[in-house]
Amino acid sequence: MSDFLKKALGTVLTPVFLVVCLGWLCIFHAAQIVARRLGGPRLHRHVVNVLNGFLMGSLVLLGNRPQRIGGVPEVTGRPLIVIANHQSTLDVVGLGWYLRRLLPSFVAKRELGRGIPSVSYNLRHSGAALIDRSDARQSLSEIGKLGVRLKENGGTAVIFPEGTRSRRGGIKPFAPAGVKILLKKAPEALVLPVCIHGTWRLNPFGKFPMGVGERFCWSVLPVIDPAGMTADEVVAKAEAMIRAEYERLGGDPP
């Protein structure tokens, strides 16, 4: 399909997709409040999982086809740290949906904690680390608190070591600082690399219109046991695995 046709279809279909997604976000915002007050964190998380499923399913309105590659590891007595590359705001929704039984909590920029129906409420009440990317001390402190919760309560922490989205594909160098803090606070944690490929195509023309007829995936890679490794070595190994998988899936866009 030519770029002209994709842009024309996107211009027609994007408003439909956005209206549907906004509807889900508003409906599930209220549902989250009720679930958390009546059923506590467990019911709240279940409602968020259903929301993520509806948001992922809504991609069919754009003719897009997301998928997960690889199996999700079994839940063990050890917490998990998910390390992933980052290309789109949809990455969080996909990880939340495909890894839902691992109980993921995210490292996210602080701005997302206010003003977005469902998303902001969930981040504020799900144990996420909301970081100010302009304040390294605050960022590491919040990540450290997430690491403590990970050690005490189990579950999964999700971090994007690139620091920001790679908006035109590819993978930026990984910064190890956040992972170091998580491993320091939860040294028994396992590390799960996830390669995200192609989600940048949701916004090939900027914010509007969105991409149509695209394929993209979340590829779950083998777990890394950090025992006997430094945090730098763990991050380097995860980055190498993600880059190799990225190339296997098609590499950078032309």
C-alpha atoms as a PDB file:
ATOM      1  CA  MET A   1       0.000   0.000   0.000  1.00  0.00           C
ATOM      2  CA  SER A   2       1.410   3.385  -1.000  1.00  0.00           C
ATOM      3  CA  ASP A   3       2.089   6.093   1.582  1.00  0.00           C
ATOM      4  CA  PHE A   4      -0.547   8.276  -0.114  1.00  0.00           C
ATOM      5  CA  LEU A   5      -3.248   5.618   0.292  1.00  0.00           C
ATOM      6  CA  LYS A   6      -2.176   4.839   3.863  1.00  0.00           C
ATOM      7  CA  LYS A   7      -2.360   8.517   4.747  1.00  0.00           C
ATOM      8  CA  ALA A   8      -5.782   8.880   3.117  1.00  0.00           C
ATOM      9  CA  LEU A   9      -7.172   5.831   4.940  1.00  0.00           C
ATOM     10  CA  GLY A  10      -5.551   6.954   8.163  1.00  0.00           C
ATOM     11  CA  THR A  11      -7.217  10.363   7.860  1.00  0.00           C
ATOM     12  CA  VAL A  12     -10.618   8.661   7.680  1.00  0.00           C
ATOM     13  CA  LEU A  13     -10.052   5.911  10.253  1.00  0.00           C
ATOM     14  CA  THR A  14      -7.970   7.685  12.910  1.00  0.00           C
ATOM     15  CA  PRO A  15     -10.857   9.806  14.293  1.00  0.00           C
ATOM     16  CA  VAL A  16     -12.970   6.649  14.646  1.00  0.00           C
ATOM     17  CA  PHE A  17     -10.169   4.852  16.467  1.00  0.00           C
ATOM     18  CA  LEU A  18      -9.481   7.798  18.783  1.00  0.00           C
ATOM     19  CA  VAL A  19     -13.149   8.265  19.684  1.00  0.00           C
ATOM     20  CA  VAL A  20     -13.519   4.550  20.468  1.00  0.00           C
ATOM     21  CA  CYS A  21     -10.354   4.514  22.600  1.00  0.00           C
ATOM     22  CA  LEU A  22     -11.372   7.681  24.454  1.00  0.00           C
ATOM     23  CA  GLY A  23     -14.690   6.017  25.185  1.00  0.00           C
ATOM     24  CA  TRP A  24     -12.947   2.965  26.644  1.00  0.00           C
ATOM     25  CA  LEU A  25     -10.642   5.162  28.715  1.00  0.00           C
ATOM     26  CA  CYS A  26     -13.553   7.128  30.193  1.00  0.00           C
ATOM     27  CA  ILE A  27     -15.664   4.039  30.892  1.00  0.00           C
ATOM     28  CA  PHE A  28     -12.804   2.155  32.508  1.00  0.00           C
ATOM     29  CA  HIS A  29     -11.689   5.185  34.504  1.00  0.00           C
ATOM     30  CA  ALA A  30     -14.947   4.980  36.420  1.00  0.00           C
ATOM     31  CA  ALA A  31     -14.698   1.178  36.556  1.00  0.00           C
ATOM     32  CA  GLN A  32     -11.205   1.400  38.074  1.00  0.00           C
ATOM     33  CA  ILE A  33     -12.370   3.718  40.833  1.00  0.00           C
ATOM     34  CA  VAL A  34     -15.270   1.436  41.723  1.00  0.00           C
ATOM     35  CA  ALA A  35     -13.125  -1.712  41.503  1.00  0.00           C
ATOM     36  CA  ARG A  36     -10.378  -0.308  43.707  1.00  0.00           C
ATOM     37  CA  ARG A  37     -12.801   0.923  46.354  1.00  0.00           C
ATOM     38  CA  LEU A  38     -14.888  -2.241  46.454  1.00  0.00           C
ATOM     39  CA  GLY A  39     -12.380  -4.963  45.602  1.00  0.00           C
ATOM     40  CA  GLY A  40      -8.963  -3.516  46.328  1.00  0.00           C
ATOM     41  CA  PRO A  41      -5.799  -3.772  44.217  1.00  0.00           C
ATOM     42  CA  ARG A  42      -6.567  -7.227  42.827  1.00  0.00           C
ATOM     43  CA  LEU A  43      -9.913  -6.267  41.279  1.00  0.00           C
ATOM     44  CA  HIS A  44      -8.445  -2.945  40.136  1.00  0.00           C
ATOM     45  CA  ARG A  45      -5.694  -4.786  38.260  1.00  0.00           C
ATOM     46  CA  HIS A  46      -8.231  -7.103  36.646  1.00  0.00           C
ATOM     47  CA  VAL A  47     -10.178  -4.089  35.347  1.00  0.00           C
ATOM     48  CA  VAL A  48      -6.968  -2.597  33.922  1.00  0.00           C
ATOM     49  CA  ASN A  49      -6.217  -5.894  32.176  1.00  0.00           C
ATOM     50  CA  VAL A  50      -9.643  -5.833  30.527  1.00  0.00           C
ATOM     51  CA  LEU A  51      -9.084  -2.214  29.463  1.00  0.00           C
ATOM     52  CA  ASN A  52      -5.748  -3.119  27.870  1.00  0.00           C
ATOM     53  CA  GLY A  53      -7.465  -5.946  26.017  1.00  0.00           C
ATOM     54  CA  PHE A  54     -10.118  -3.586  24.636  1.00  0.00           C
ATOM     55  CA  LEU A  55      -7.476  -1.025  23.585  1.00  0.00           C
ATOM     56  CA  MET A  56      -5.424  -3.675  21.794  1.00  0.00           C
ATOM     57  CA  GLY A  57      -8.535  -5.048  20.130  1.00  0.00           C
ATOM     58  CA  SER A  58      -9.471  -1.576  18.910  1.00  0.00           C
ATOM     59  CA  LEU A  59      -6.408  -1.582  16.643  1.00  0.00           C
ATOM     60  CA  VAL A  60      -8.452  -3.672  14.213  1.00  0.00           C
ATOM     61  CA  LEU A  61     -10.300  -0.436  13.378  1.00  0.00           C
ATOM     62  CA  LEU A  62      -7.074   0.693  11.701  1.00  0.00           C
ATOM     63  CA  GLY A  63      -6.448  -2.672  10.078  1.00  0.00           C
ATOM     64  CA  ASN A  64      -3.405  -3.167  12.314  1.00  0.00           C
ATOM     65  CA  ARG A  65      -2.261  -6.594  13.514  1.00  0.00           C
ATOM     66  CA  PRO A  66      -0.357  -6.753  16.801  1.00  0.00           C
ATOM     67  CA  GLN A  67       1.038 -10.014  18.089  1.00  0.00           C
ATOM     68  CA  ARG A  68       3.154 -11.552  20.827  1.00  0.00           C
ATOM     69  CA  ILE A  69       6.084 -13.777  19.934  1.00  0.00           C
ATOM     70  CA  GLY A  70       7.432 -16.196  22.526  1.00  0.00           C
ATOM     71  CA  GLY A  71       5.905 -17.550  25.685  1.00  0.00           C
ATOM     72  CA  VAL A  72       5.386 -15.658  28.917  1.00  0.00           C
ATOM     73  CA  PRO A  73       7.510 -17.237  31.675  1.00  0.00           C
ATOM     74  CA  GLU A  74       5.833 -19.004  34.546  1.00  0.00           C
ATOM     75  CA  VAL A  75       5.286 -17.021  37.723  1.00  0.00           C
ATOM     76  CA  THR A  76       7.883 -18.071  40.303  1.00  0.00           C
ATOM     77  CA  GLY A  77       8.744 -16.943  43.793  1.00  0.00           C
ATOM     78  CA  ARG A  78      11.257 -14.477  42.351  1.00  0.00           C
ATOM     79  CA  PRO A  79      10.285 -11.011  41.071  1.00  0.00           C
ATOM     80  CA  LEU A  80      10.945  -9.965  37.473  1.00  0.00           C
ATOM     81  CA  ILE A  81      12.476  -6.912  35.848  1.00  0.00           C
ATOM     82  CA  VAL A  82      11.330  -6.459  32.247  1.00  0.00           C
ATOM     83  CA  ILE A  83      13.789  -4.583  30.034  1.00  0.00           C
ATOM     84  CA  ALA A  84      12.335  -3.418  26.703  1.00  0.00           C
ATOM     85  CA  ASN A  85      13.073  -1.004  23.903  1.00  0.00           C
ATOM     86  CA  HIS A  86      10.509   1.749  23.342  1.00  0.00           C
ATOM     87  CA  GLN A  87       8.868   2.999  20.126  1.00  0.00           C
ATOM     88  CA  SER A  88       5.275   4.063  20.904  1.00  0.00           C
ATOM     89  CA  THR A  89       2.877   4.939  23.695  1.00  0.00           C
ATOM     90  CA  LEU A  90       1.133   1.687  22.752  1.00  0.00           C
ATOM     91  CA  ASP A  91       4.159  -0.253  24.045  1.00  0.00           C
ATOM     92  CA  VAL A  92       2.877   0.066  27.609  1.00  0.00           C
ATOM     93  CA  VAL A  93      -0.596  -1.175  26.647  1.00  0.00           C
ATOM     94  CA  GLY A  94       0.872  -4.155  24.814  1.00  0.00           C
ATOM     95  CA  LEU A  95       3.203  -5.079  27.649  1.00  0.00           C
ATOM     96  CA  GLY A  96       0.398  -4.657  30.156  1.00  0.00           C
ATOM     97  CA  TRP A  97      -1.823  -6.990  28.110  1.00  0.00           C
ATOM     98  CA  TYR A  98       0.633  -9.672  27.010  1.00  0.00           C
ATOM     99  CA  LEU A  99       2.406  -9.842  30.399  1.00  0.00           C
ATOM    100  CA  ARG A 100      -0.722  -9.349  32.503  1.00  0.00           C
ATOM    101  CA  ARG A 101      -0.326 -12.489  34.587  1.00  0.00           C
ATOM    102  CA  LEU A 102       3.141 -11.270  35.662  1.00  0.00           C
ATOM    103  CA  LEU A 103       1.529  -8.250  37.407  1.00  0.00           C
ATOM    104  CA  PRO A 104       3.608  -5.524  35.679  1.00  0.00           C
ATOM    105  CA  SER A 105       4.260  -2.087  37.171  1.00  0.00           C
ATOM    106  CA  PHE A 106       5.899   0.531  34.979  1.00  0.00           C
ATOM    107  CA  VAL A 107       8.593   3.167  35.152  1.00  0.00           C
ATOM    108  CA  ALA A 108       6.854   6.072  33.393  1.00  0.00           C
ATOM    109  CA  LYS A 109       7.349   9.791  32.990  1.00  0.00           C
ATOM    110  CA  ARG A 110       5.628  11.857  35.657  1.00  0.00           C
ATOM    111  CA  GLU A 111       3.492  13.797  33.156  1.00  0.00           C
ATOM    112  CA  LEU A 112       1.452  10.652  32.487  1.00  0.00           C
ATOM    113  CA  GLY A 113       0.269  10.631  36.087  1.00  0.00           C
ATOM    114  CA  ARG A 114      -2.135  13.535  35.516  1.00  0.00           C
ATOM    115  CA  GLY A 115      -4.915  14.389  33.096  1.00  0.00           C
ATOM    116  CA  ILE A 116      -5.346  11.160  31.100  1.00  0.00           C
ATOM    117  CA  PRO A 117      -8.519   9.141  31.818  1.00  0.00           C
ATOM    118  CA  SER A 118      -7.773   5.615  33.096  1.00  0.00           C
ATOM    119  CA  VAL A 119      -4.044   5.856  32.360  1.00  0.00           C
ATOM    120  CA  SER A 120      -3.203   8.438  35.020  1.00  0.00           C
ATOM    121  CA  TYR A 121      -5.398   6.797  37.665  1.00  0.00           C
ATOM    122  CA  ASN A 122      -3.836   3.407  37.015  1.00  0.00           C
ATOM    123  CA  LEU A 123      -0.277   4.717  37.188  1.00  0.00           C
ATOM    124  CA  ARG A 124      -0.962   6.509  40.466  1.00  0.00           C
ATOM    125  CA  HIS A 125      -2.553   3.460  42.105  1.00  0.00           C
ATOM    126  CA  SER A 126      -0.680   0.495  40.610  1.00  0.00           C
ATOM    127  CA  GLY A 127       2.721   1.013  42.212  1.00  0.00           C
ATOM    128  CA  ALA A 128       4.311   2.618  39.158  1.00  0.00           C
ATOM    129  CA  ALA A 129       7.439   4.776  39.419  1.00  0.00           C
ATOM    130  CA  LEU A 130       6.554   8.215  38.053  1.00  0.00           C
ATOM    131  CA  ILE A 131       9.817   9.922  37.209  1.00  0.00           C
ATOM    132  CA  ASP A 132      10.845  13.467  36.295  1.00  0.00           C
ATOM    133  CA  ARG A 133      13.256  12.948  33.421  1.00  0.00           C
ATOM    134  CA  SER A 134      14.839  16.344  34.085  1.00  0.00           C
ATOM    135  CA  ASP A 135      15.653  15.405  37.688  1.00  0.00           C
ATOM    136  CA  ALA A 136      18.009  12.428  37.939  1.00  0.00           C
ATOM    137  CA  ARG A 137      17.874  12.314  41.748  1.00  0.00           C
ATOM    138  CA  GLN A 138      14.065  12.186  41.832  1.00  0.00           C
ATOM    139  CA  SER A 139      14.008   9.589  39.044  1.00  0.00           C
ATOM    140  CA  LEU A 140      16.417   7.223  40.767  1.00  0.00           C
ATOM    141  CA  SER A 141      14.611   7.691  44.082  1.00  0.00           C
ATOM    142  CA  GLU A 142      11.276   6.700  42.556  1.00  0.00           C
ATOM    143  CA  ILE A 143      12.815   3.721  40.781  1.00  0.00           C
ATOM    144  CA  GLY A 144      14.381   2.700  44.083  1.00  0.00           C
ATOM    145  CA  LYS A 145      10.958   2.755  45.759  1.00  0.00           C
ATOM    146  CA  LEU A 146       9.635   0.523  42.983  1.00  0.00           C
ATOM    147  CA  GLY A 147      12.549  -1.836  43.618  1.00  0.00           C
ATOM    148  CA  VAL A 148      11.646  -2.027  47.311  1.00  0.00           C
ATOM    149  CA  ARG A 149       8.013  -2.818  46.445  1.00  0.00           C
ATOM    150  CA  LEU A 150       9.267  -5.453  44.023  1.00  0.00           C
ATOM    151  CA  LYS A 151      11.316  -7.125  46.750  1.00  0.00           C
ATOM    152  CA  GLU A 152       8.539  -6.968  49.337  1.00  0.00           C
ATOM    153  CA  ASN A 153       5.515  -7.807  47.188  1.00  0.00           C
ATOM    154  CA  GLY A 154       6.891  -9.645  44.157  1.00  0.00           C
ATOM    155  CA  GLY A 155       5.445  -9.011  40.705  1.00  0.00           C
ATOM    156  CA  THR A 156       7.186  -7.321  37.796  1.00  0.00           C
ATOM    157  CA  ALA A 157       8.833  -3.961  37.167  1.00  0.00           C
ATOM    158  CA  VAL A 158       8.977  -2.740  33.563  1.00  0.00           C
ATOM    159  CA  ILE A 159      11.644  -0.262  32.498  1.00  0.00           C
ATOM    160  CA  PHE A 160      12.660   1.263  29.152  1.00  0.00           C
ATOM    161  CA  PRO A 161      16.430   1.858  29.409  1.00  0.00           C
ATOM    162  CA  GLU A 162      16.526   3.982  26.234  1.00  0.00           C
ATOM    163  CA  GLY A 163      14.886   6.700  28.339  1.00  0.00           C
ATOM    164  CA  THR A 164      12.541   7.870  25.583  1.00  0.00           C
ATOM    165  CA  ARG A 165      10.818   6.552  22.486  1.00  0.00           C
ATOM    166  CA  SER A 166      12.666   5.805  19.267  1.00  0.00           C
ATOM    167  CA  ARG A 167      10.044   7.395  17.042  1.00  0.00           C
ATOM    168  CA  ARG A 168      11.379   6.203  13.676  1.00  0.00           C
ATOM    169  CA  GLY A 169      12.429   2.708  14.564  1.00  0.00           C
ATOM    170  CA  GLY A 170      15.813   1.427  15.617  1.00  0.00           C
ATOM    171  CA  ILE A 171      17.148   1.080  19.154  1.00  0.00           C
ATOM    172  CA  LYS A 172      18.964   3.758  21.125  1.00  0.00           C
ATOM    173  CA  PRO A 173      21.784   2.862  23.549  1.00  0.00           C
ATOM    174  CA  PHE A 174      20.543   1.496  26.858  1.00  0.00           C
ATOM    175  CA  ALA A 175      21.347   3.430  30.039  1.00  0.00           C
ATOM    176  CA  PRO A 176      21.916   1.030  32.969  1.00  0.00           C
ATOM    177  CA  ALA A 177      21.236   3.375  35.908  1.00  0.00           C
ATOM    178  CA  GLY A 178      17.565   2.472  36.462  1.00  0.00           C
ATOM    179  CA  VAL A 179      18.154  -1.270  36.161  1.00  0.00           C
ATOM    180  CA  LYS A 180      21.078  -0.977  38.590  1.00  0.00           C
ATOM    181  CA  ILE A 181      18.805   0.559  41.206  1.00  0.00           C
ATOM    182  CA  LEU A 182      16.136  -2.117  40.708  1.00  0.00           C
ATOM    183  CA  LEU A 183      18.683  -4.931  41.016  1.00  0.00           C
ATOM    184  CA  LYS A 184      20.231  -3.313  44.076  1.00  0.00           C
ATOM    185  CA  LYS A 185      16.850  -3.102  45.822  1.00  0.00           C
ATOM    186  CA  ALA A 186      15.630  -6.511  44.583  1.00  0.00           C
ATOM    187  CA  PRO A 187      18.835  -8.538  44.036  1.00  0.00           C
ATOM    188  CA  GLU A 188      16.936 -11.831  43.720  1.00  0.00           C
ATOM    189  CA  ALA A 189      14.996 -10.597  40.677  1.00  0.00           C
ATOM    190  CA  LEU A 190      15.227 -12.257  37.274  1.00  0.00           C
ATOM    191  CA  VAL A 191      15.461 -10.135  34.115  1.00  0.00           C
ATOM    192  CA  LEU A 192      13.138 -10.587  31.139  1.00  0.00           C
ATOM    193  CA  PRO A 193      14.138  -8.873  27.871  1.00  0.00           C
ATOM    194  CA  VAL A 194      11.300  -7.951  25.487  1.00  0.00           C
ATOM    195  CA  CYS A 195      11.916  -6.728  21.943  1.00  0.00           C
ATOM    196  CA  ILE A 196       9.266  -4.346  20.613  1.00  0.00           C
ATOM    197  CA  HIS A 197       9.304  -4.160  16.832  1.00  0.00           C
ATOM    198  CA  GLY A 198       7.328  -1.904  14.520  1.00  0.00           C
ATOM    199  CA  THR A 199       5.037  -0.008  16.898  1.00  0.00           C
ATOM    200  CA  TRP A 200       6.579   3.257  15.682  1.00  0.00           C
ATOM    201  CA  ARG A 201       4.540   2.661  12.500  1.00  0.00           C
ATOM    202  CA  LEU A 202       1.419   3.663  14.429  1.00  0.00           C
ATOM    203  CA  ASN A 203       2.538   7.269  13.939  1.00  0.00           C
ATOM    204  CA  PRO A 204       4.504   7.351  10.666  1.00  0.00           C
ATOM    205  CA  PHE A 205       3.177  10.811   9.756  1.00  0.00           C
ATOM    206  CA  GLY A 206       3.475  12.371  13.203  1.00  0.00           C
ATOM    207  CA  LYS A 207       0.523  12.638  15.566  1.00  0.00           C
ATOM    208  CA  PHE A 208      -2.065  12.521  12.766  1.00  0.00           C
ATOM    209  CA  PRO A 209      -3.107  10.447  10.927  1.00  0.00           C
ATOM    210  CA  MET A 210      -2.200   7.107  12.461  1.00  0.00           C
ATOM    211  CA  GLY A 211      -0.741   4.203  10.510  1.00  0.00           C
ATOM    212  CA  VAL A 212      -3.074   1.620   8.972  1.00  0.00           C
ATOM    213  CA  GLY A 213      -2.563  -1.966   7.838  1.00  0.00           C
ATOM    214  CA  GLU A 214       0.605  -2.413   9.884  1.00  0.00           C
ATOM    215  CA  ARG A 215       2.120  -5.408  11.656  1.00  0.00           C
ATOM    216  CA  PHE A 216       4.063  -5.061  14.896  1.00  0.00           C
ATOM    217  CA  CYS A 217       5.002  -7.330  17.744  1.00  0.00           C
ATOM    218  CA  TRP A 218       6.193  -7.797  21.295  1.00  0.00           C
ATOM    219  CA  SER A 219       8.798 -10.579  21.303  1.00  0.00           C
ATOM    220  CA  VAL A 220       9.383 -12.153  24.725  1.00  0.00           C
ATOM    221  CA  LEU A 221      12.965 -13.426  25.012  1.00  0.00           C
ATOM    222  CA  PRO A 222      14.576 -15.935  27.415  1.00  0.00           C
ATOM    223  CA  VAL A 223      14.925 -14.930  31.055  1.00  0.00           C
ATOM    224  CA  ILE A 224      18.341 -13.803  32.321  1.00  0.00           C
ATOM    225  CA  ASP A 225      19.477 -14.885  35.793  1.00  0.00           C
ATOM    226  CA  PRO A 226      21.749 -12.053  37.039  1.00  0.00           C
ATOM    227  CA  ALA A 227      23.577 -14.315  39.492  1.00  0.00           C
ATOM    228  CA  GLY A 228      27.322 -13.781  39.134  1.00  0.00           C
ATOM    229  CA  MET A 229      26.882 -10.793  36.817  1.00  0.00           C
ATOM    230  CA  THR A 230      27.221  -7.066  37.411  1.00  0.00           C
ATOM    231  CA  ALA A 231      24.258  -4.826  36.637  1.00  0.00           C
ATOM    232  CA  ASP A 232      26.172  -3.407  33.668  1.00  0.00           C
ATOM    233  CA  GLU A 233      26.692  -6.911  32.301  1.00  0.00           C
ATOM    234  CA  VAL A 234      23.003  -7.734  32.757  1.00  0.00           C
ATOM    235  CA  VAL A 235      21.903  -4.623  30.858  1.00  0.00           C
ATOM    236  CA  ALA A 236      24.482  -5.229  28.125  1.00  0.00           C
ATOM    237  CA  LYS A 237      23.293  -8.815  27.696  1.00  0.00           C
ATOM    238  CA  ALA A 238      19.627  -7.779  27.579  1.00  0.00           C
ATOM    239  CA  GLU A 239      20.414  -5.048  25.058  1.00  0.00           C
ATOM    240  CA  ALA A 240      22.372  -7.480  22.857  1.00  0.00           C
ATOM    241  CA  MET A 241      19.491  -9.978  22.932  1.00  0.00           C
ATOM    242  CA  ILE A 242      16.948  -7.301  22.039  1.00  0.00           C
ATOM    243  CA  ARG A 243      19.091  -5.931  19.207  1.00  0.00           C
ATOM    244  CA  ALA A 244      19.615  -9.422  17.772  1.00  0.00           C
ATOM    245  CA  GLU A 245      15.887 -10.125  17.878  1.00  0.00           C
ATOM    246  CA  TYR A 246      15.137  -6.729  16.340  1.00  0.00           C
ATOM    247  CA  GLU A 247      17.375  -7.546  13.395  1.00  0.00           C
ATOM    248  CA  ARG A 248      15.803 -10.989  13.052  1.00  0.00           C
ATOM    249  CA  LEU A 249      12.385  -9.387  12.844  1.00  0.00           C
ATOM    250  CA  GLY A 250      13.421  -7.067  10.029  1.00  0.00           C
ATOM    251  CA  GLY A 251      15.760  -4.500  11.495  1.00  0.00           C
ATOM    252  CA  ASP A 252      15.561  -0.755  11.040  1.00  0.00           C
ATOM    253  CA  PRO A 253      13.226   0.864   8.522  1.00  0.00           C
ATOM    254  CA  PRO A 254      14.795   1.893   5.195  1.00  0.00           C
END
